[in-house]
Amino acid sequence: MSLENAKAQMRKGILEYCILSILKEQEAYPSEILEKLKEARLIVVEGTIYPLLTRLKNMELLSYRWEESQSGPPRKYYSITKMGIAFLEELDITWEELKEAVQTITKK
């Protein structure tokens, strides 16, 4: 396994958690989600985010609504559902446990 592949796998593993966390703050359309991920230096391409958003929607963790745009086609705004918030709360716990375990092992 190459270093780049290992890095990509680590990022993919936390992407759902990051997207749900973003949408907990406010609804957003995919370009806004990508921008927030980019600001956090978690670079994701559009081809990765759309299937993930669809999967989260199909799991009923997200919902969406259409809104007309003055600069192009209508935009699909995603928001987190009550089930998504409960799921995110469980991920918060798991993340903290995982972070502690990794820090213990790597002594960081």
C-alpha atoms as a PDB file:
ATOM      1  CA  MET A   1       0.000   0.000   0.000  1.00  0.00           C
ATOM      2  CA  SER A   2       1.362   3.402  -0.944  1.00  0.00           C
ATOM      3  CA  LEU A   3       1.473   6.319   1.448  1.00  0.00           C
ATOM      4  CA  GLU A   4      -1.020   8.272  -0.661  1.00  0.00           C
ATOM      5  CA  ASN A   5      -3.432   5.330  -0.656  1.00  0.00           C
ATOM      6  CA  ALA A   6      -3.138   5.025   3.132  1.00  0.00           C
ATOM      7  CA  LYS A   7      -3.833   8.745   3.553  1.00  0.00           C
ATOM      8  CA  ALA A   8      -6.854   8.542   1.242  1.00  0.00           C
ATOM      9  CA  GLN A   9      -8.272   5.602   3.196  1.00  0.00           C
ATOM     10  CA  MET A  10      -7.891   7.498   6.492  1.00  0.00           C
ATOM     11  CA  ARG A  11      -9.724  10.513   5.047  1.00  0.00           C
ATOM     12  CA  LYS A  12     -12.539   8.397   3.589  1.00  0.00           C
ATOM     13  CA  GLY A  13     -13.048   6.752   6.958  1.00  0.00           C
ATOM     14  CA  ILE A  14     -13.998  10.024   8.624  1.00  0.00           C
ATOM     15  CA  LEU A  15     -15.786  11.762   5.764  1.00  0.00           C
ATOM     16  CA  GLU A  16     -19.327  10.803   6.837  1.00  0.00           C
ATOM     17  CA  TYR A  17     -18.593  12.067  10.339  1.00  0.00           C
ATOM     18  CA  CYS A  18     -17.299  15.380   8.993  1.00  0.00           C
ATOM     19  CA  ILE A  19     -20.250  15.892   6.634  1.00  0.00           C
ATOM     20  CA  LEU A  20     -22.796  15.190   9.364  1.00  0.00           C
ATOM     21  CA  SER A  21     -20.923  17.589  11.662  1.00  0.00           C
ATOM     22  CA  ILE A  22     -21.009  20.324   9.014  1.00  0.00           C
ATOM     23  CA  LEU A  23     -24.729  19.849   8.445  1.00  0.00           C
ATOM     24  CA  LYS A  24     -25.446  19.870  12.167  1.00  0.00           C
ATOM     25  CA  GLU A  25     -24.423  23.548  12.134  1.00  0.00           C
ATOM     26  CA  GLN A  26     -26.587  24.523   9.138  1.00  0.00           C
ATOM     27  CA  GLU A  27     -28.040  23.172   5.921  1.00  0.00           C
ATOM     28  CA  ALA A  28     -25.786  23.401   2.891  1.00  0.00           C
ATOM     29  CA  TYR A  29     -25.549  22.470  -0.745  1.00  0.00           C
ATOM     30  CA  PRO A  30     -22.711  20.196  -1.911  1.00  0.00           C
ATOM     31  CA  SER A  31     -20.390  22.998  -3.055  1.00  0.00           C
ATOM     32  CA  GLU A  32     -20.615  24.596   0.388  1.00  0.00           C
ATOM     33  CA  ILE A  33     -19.869  21.266   2.060  1.00  0.00           C
ATOM     34  CA  LEU A  34     -16.851  20.794  -0.209  1.00  0.00           C
ATOM     35  CA  GLU A  35     -15.649  24.307   0.634  1.00  0.00           C
ATOM     36  CA  LYS A  36     -15.887  23.674   4.400  1.00  0.00           C
ATOM     37  CA  LEU A  37     -13.985  20.405   3.984  1.00  0.00           C
ATOM     38  CA  LYS A  38     -11.357  22.226   1.922  1.00  0.00           C
ATOM     39  CA  GLU A  39     -11.032  24.961   4.568  1.00  0.00           C
ATOM     40  CA  ALA A  40     -10.290  22.200   7.082  1.00  0.00           C
ATOM     41  CA  ARG A  41      -7.665  20.805   4.658  1.00  0.00           C
ATOM     42  CA  LEU A  42      -9.741  17.703   4.008  1.00  0.00           C
ATOM     43  CA  ILE A  43      -9.691  17.799   0.221  1.00  0.00           C
ATOM     44  CA  VAL A  44     -12.533  15.857  -1.402  1.00  0.00           C
ATOM     45  CA  VAL A  45     -13.578  15.805  -5.054  1.00  0.00           C
ATOM     46  CA  GLU A  46     -17.181  16.197  -6.187  1.00  0.00           C
ATOM     47  CA  GLY A  47     -17.264  12.638  -7.466  1.00  0.00           C
ATOM     48  CA  THR A  48     -16.746  11.412  -3.909  1.00  0.00           C
ATOM     49  CA  ILE A  49     -19.264  13.589  -2.101  1.00  0.00           C
ATOM     50  CA  TYR A  50     -22.384  13.024  -4.204  1.00  0.00           C
ATOM     51  CA  PRO A  51     -22.601   9.242  -3.704  1.00  0.00           C
ATOM     52  CA  LEU A  52     -21.893   9.767  -0.010  1.00  0.00           C
ATOM     53  CA  LEU A  53     -24.691  12.329   0.343  1.00  0.00           C
ATOM     54  CA  THR A  54     -27.054   9.957  -1.453  1.00  0.00           C
ATOM     55  CA  ARG A  55     -26.076   7.093   0.853  1.00  0.00           C
ATOM     56  CA  LEU A  56     -26.609   9.243   3.964  1.00  0.00           C
ATOM     57  CA  LYS A  57     -29.984  10.350   2.594  1.00  0.00           C
ATOM     58  CA  ASN A  58     -30.986   6.749   1.877  1.00  0.00           C
ATOM     59  CA  MET A  59     -30.034   5.887   5.467  1.00  0.00           C
ATOM     60  CA  GLU A  60     -32.444   8.701   6.497  1.00  0.00           C
ATOM     61  CA  LEU A  61     -29.620  10.601   8.196  1.00  0.00           C
ATOM     62  CA  LEU A  62     -30.016  13.516   5.775  1.00  0.00           C
ATOM     63  CA  SER A  63     -32.874  15.131   3.931  1.00  0.00           C
ATOM     64  CA  TYR A  64     -32.799  17.733   1.191  1.00  0.00           C
ATOM     65  CA  ARG A  65     -34.851  20.459  -0.398  1.00  0.00           C
ATOM     66  CA  TRP A  66     -34.584  22.228  -3.731  1.00  0.00           C
ATOM     67  CA  GLU A  67     -34.097  25.985  -3.927  1.00  0.00           C
ATOM     68  CA  GLU A  68     -34.065  28.138  -7.041  1.00  0.00           C
ATOM     69  CA  SER A  69     -30.745  29.800  -7.777  1.00  0.00           C
ATOM     70  CA  GLN A  70     -30.322  33.212  -9.388  1.00  0.00           C
ATOM     71  CA  SER A  71     -27.048  32.108 -10.980  1.00  0.00           C
ATOM     72  CA  GLY A  72     -27.946  28.763 -12.521  1.00  0.00           C
ATOM     73  CA  PRO A  73     -30.017  25.642 -11.969  1.00  0.00           C
ATOM     74  CA  PRO A  74     -31.858  24.939  -8.697  1.00  0.00           C
ATOM     75  CA  ARG A  75     -29.695  23.846  -5.774  1.00  0.00           C
ATOM     76  CA  LYS A  76     -30.219  20.843  -3.551  1.00  0.00           C
ATOM     77  CA  TYR A  77     -29.744  21.867   0.098  1.00  0.00           C
ATOM     78  CA  TYR A  78     -29.008  19.066   2.541  1.00  0.00           C
ATOM     79  CA  SER A  79     -29.869  19.069   6.234  1.00  0.00           C
ATOM     80  CA  ILE A  80     -29.392  16.565   9.014  1.00  0.00           C
ATOM     81  CA  THR A  81     -32.447  14.667  10.294  1.00  0.00           C
ATOM     82  CA  LYS A  82     -33.285  13.754  13.897  1.00  0.00           C
ATOM     83  CA  MET A  83     -31.996  10.262  13.149  1.00  0.00           C
ATOM     84  CA  GLY A  84     -28.841  11.846  11.720  1.00  0.00           C
ATOM     85  CA  ILE A  85     -28.299  13.867  14.887  1.00  0.00           C
ATOM     86  CA  ALA A  86     -28.618  10.725  17.030  1.00  0.00           C
ATOM     87  CA  PHE A  87     -26.215   8.910  14.692  1.00  0.00           C
ATOM     88  CA  LEU A  88     -23.770  11.834  14.891  1.00  0.00           C
ATOM     89  CA  GLU A  89     -23.900  11.802  18.697  1.00  0.00           C
ATOM     90  CA  GLU A  90     -22.859   8.134  18.640  1.00  0.00           C
ATOM     91  CA  LEU A  91     -20.079   8.948  16.177  1.00  0.00           C
ATOM     92  CA  ASP A  92     -18.897  11.728  18.531  1.00  0.00           C
ATOM     93  CA  ILE A  93     -18.472   9.162  21.306  1.00  0.00           C
ATOM     94  CA  THR A  94     -16.747   6.694  19.000  1.00  0.00           C
ATOM     95  CA  TRP A  95     -14.438   9.409  17.651  1.00  0.00           C
ATOM     96  CA  GLU A  96     -13.334  10.434  21.144  1.00  0.00           C
ATOM     97  CA  GLU A  97     -12.676   6.797  22.107  1.00  0.00           C
ATOM     98  CA  LEU A  98     -10.761   6.174  18.893  1.00  0.00           C
ATOM     99  CA  LYS A  99      -8.766   9.388  19.233  1.00  0.00           C
ATOM    100  CA  GLU A 100      -7.766   8.471  22.792  1.00  0.00           C
ATOM    101  CA  ALA A 101      -6.776   4.957  21.766  1.00  0.00           C
ATOM    102  CA  VAL A 102      -4.651   6.178  18.860  1.00  0.00           C
ATOM    103  CA  GLN A 103      -3.016   8.853  21.009  1.00  0.00           C
ATOM    104  CA  THR A 104      -2.222   6.244  23.651  1.00  0.00           C
ATOM    105  CA  ILE A 105      -0.657   3.917  21.116  1.00  0.00           C
ATOM    106  CA  THR A 106       1.242   6.611  19.234  1.00  0.00           C
ATOM    107  CA  LYS A 107       2.024   8.470  22.492  1.00  0.00           C
ATOM    108  CA  LYS A 108       0.798  11.786  21.065  1.00  0.00           C
END
